[in-house]
């Protein structure tokens, strides 16, 4: 089964229903729900997503949404190896992107799905937008 590592922006697109990005994100999650592919996210994604959702919803609602998300994704833990690699990689201008990238490597994902392709230019894993990936299947 193909494994996709989702950048935080894809998760937030779905959960916050951000247009025009919601529909492709929803299609990815629908495929995962139907066991057509596996979705992976960094543990950091849960913290970042909770922060964003809590600005628009009550904290208890944000947590409920995240509990539902957890049912559909494999969570890649942050460990010392990922932190060390992220801290020492000068190719990433954004530290959070470095954490996402090394989490994707650790997960063994086949692809990284993001809206910010430029943030992963030196990736050893293919990087696509949700729309680009959906066009390939």
Protein backbone atom coordinates (compact mmCIF):
# COMPACT_ATOMS: atom_id res chain seq x y z
CA UNK A 1 0.00 0.00 0.00
CA UNK A 2 1.31 3.45 -0.88
CA UNK A 3 2.18 5.67 2.05
CA UNK A 4 1.79 9.45 1.84
CA UNK A 5 3.33 11.81 4.36
CA UNK A 6 1.10 14.87 4.77
CA UNK A 7 2.52 18.26 5.54
CA UNK A 8 0.56 20.15 8.20
CA UNK A 9 -1.03 22.48 5.64
CA UNK A 10 -2.90 19.57 4.04
CA UNK A 11 -4.33 18.49 7.40
CA UNK A 12 -5.41 22.03 8.23
CA UNK A 13 -6.94 22.42 4.76
CA UNK A 14 -9.19 19.48 5.56
CA UNK A 15 -10.05 20.22 9.18
CA UNK A 16 -10.52 23.98 8.77
CA UNK A 17 -12.23 23.46 5.39
CA UNK A 18 -9.92 25.97 3.72
CA UNK A 19 -11.00 26.67 0.17
CA UNK A 20 -9.97 26.00 -2.55
CA UNK A 21 -7.79 23.32 -0.92
CA UNK A 22 -10.43 21.44 1.06
CA UNK A 23 -11.70 19.11 -1.68
CA UNK A 24 -8.32 17.55 -2.66
CA UNK A 25 -7.44 17.08 1.02
CA UNK A 26 -10.82 15.45 1.64
CA UNK A 27 -10.26 13.09 -1.30
CA UNK A 28 -6.94 11.93 0.18
CA UNK A 29 -8.58 11.22 3.53
CA UNK A 30 -11.43 9.41 1.80
CA UNK A 31 -8.92 7.15 0.05
CA UNK A 32 -7.27 6.42 3.39
CA UNK A 33 -10.62 5.71 5.00
CA UNK A 34 -11.30 3.21 2.21
CA UNK A 35 -7.89 1.57 2.80
CA UNK A 36 -6.56 2.60 -0.62
CA UNK A 37 -3.50 4.30 0.89
CA UNK A 38 -1.88 5.10 4.21
CA UNK A 39 -1.51 8.66 5.49
CA UNK A 40 1.29 9.62 7.85
CA UNK A 41 1.80 12.83 9.79
CA UNK A 42 4.37 14.09 12.23
CA UNK A 43 3.42 14.34 15.90
CA UNK A 44 4.23 18.03 15.42
CA UNK A 45 1.26 18.27 13.05
CA UNK A 46 -1.11 17.52 15.92
CA UNK A 47 0.32 20.36 18.01
CA UNK A 48 0.31 22.84 15.12
CA UNK A 49 -3.18 21.86 14.03
CA UNK A 50 -4.53 22.13 17.56
CA UNK A 51 -3.08 25.64 17.79
CA UNK A 52 -4.80 26.72 14.55
CA UNK A 53 -8.13 25.04 15.30
CA UNK A 54 -8.24 26.45 18.84
CA UNK A 55 -8.26 29.96 17.39
CA UNK A 56 -11.55 29.22 15.64
CA UNK A 57 -13.15 26.68 17.97
CA UNK A 58 -13.37 25.83 21.64
CA UNK A 59 -10.38 23.77 22.83
CA UNK A 60 -12.63 20.78 23.57
CA UNK A 61 -13.95 20.89 19.98
CA UNK A 62 -10.42 21.06 18.59
CA UNK A 63 -9.43 17.99 20.59
CA UNK A 64 -12.47 16.07 19.38
CA UNK A 65 -11.52 16.85 15.79
CA UNK A 66 -7.95 15.69 16.44
CA UNK A 67 -9.19 12.44 18.00
CA UNK A 68 -11.09 11.73 14.77
CA UNK A 69 -8.00 12.61 12.71
CA UNK A 70 -5.94 10.14 14.73
CA UNK A 71 -8.17 7.32 13.48
CA UNK A 72 -7.13 7.99 9.87
CA UNK A 73 -3.39 8.65 10.13
CA UNK A 74 -0.22 7.01 11.32
CA UNK A 75 1.58 9.39 13.68
CA UNK A 76 5.35 9.59 13.31
CA UNK A 77 6.92 10.40 16.65
CA UNK A 78 9.55 13.04 17.13
CA UNK A 79 12.75 11.66 18.50
CA UNK A 80 16.32 12.76 19.02
CA UNK A 81 17.38 11.56 15.56
CA UNK A 82 14.73 13.65 13.78
CA UNK A 83 15.51 16.71 15.91
CA UNK A 84 19.27 16.37 15.30
CA UNK A 85 18.86 15.95 11.55
CA UNK A 86 16.45 18.89 11.41
CA UNK A 87 18.70 21.18 13.43
CA UNK A 88 21.74 20.40 11.30
CA UNK A 89 20.23 20.63 7.82
CA UNK A 90 21.00 24.12 6.53
CA UNK A 91 19.09 23.50 3.27
CA UNK A 92 15.82 24.11 5.09
CA UNK A 93 15.12 27.76 5.84
CA UNK A 94 12.07 26.81 7.90
CA UNK A 95 12.85 24.54 10.86
CA UNK A 96 9.31 23.14 10.95
CA UNK A 97 9.69 22.02 7.32
CA UNK A 98 12.93 20.24 8.24
CA UNK A 99 11.12 18.37 11.01
CA UNK A 100 8.37 17.40 8.57
CA UNK A 101 10.91 16.22 6.00
CA UNK A 102 12.90 14.05 8.39
CA UNK A 103 9.68 12.67 9.86
CA UNK A 104 8.67 11.69 6.32
CA UNK A 105 12.01 9.94 5.79
CA UNK A 106 11.65 8.07 9.07
CA UNK A 107 8.12 7.01 8.20
CA UNK A 108 9.24 5.35 4.97
CA UNK A 109 6.64 7.32 3.02
CA UNK A 110 6.56 7.03 -0.76
CA UNK A 111 5.61 10.69 -1.26
CA UNK A 112 5.33 13.96 0.60
CA UNK A 113 2.08 15.85 0.01
CA UNK A 114 2.18 19.60 0.59
CA UNK A 115 0.98 22.88 -0.85
CA UNK A 116 4.45 24.36 -0.48
CA UNK A 117 6.56 22.47 -3.00
CA UNK A 118 9.34 25.05 -2.79
CA UNK A 119 9.89 24.18 0.87
CA UNK A 120 10.98 20.65 -0.08
CA UNK A 121 13.11 21.29 -3.17
CA UNK A 122 16.02 19.11 -2.02
CA UNK A 123 13.83 16.22 -0.91
CA UNK A 124 14.99 12.67 -1.60
CA UNK A 125 11.31 11.66 -1.59
CA UNK A 126 9.04 12.84 -4.43
CA UNK A 127 6.93 15.84 -3.40
CA UNK A 128 3.53 16.65 -4.89
CA UNK A 129 0.52 18.77 -4.11
CA UNK A 130 -2.68 16.91 -3.25
CA UNK A 131 -4.07 17.86 -6.67
CA UNK A 132 -0.99 16.55 -8.46
CA UNK A 133 -1.13 13.26 -6.60
CA UNK A 134 -4.83 12.77 -7.28
CA UNK A 135 -4.19 13.27 -11.00
CA UNK A 136 -1.76 10.33 -10.95
CA UNK A 137 -4.27 7.77 -9.68
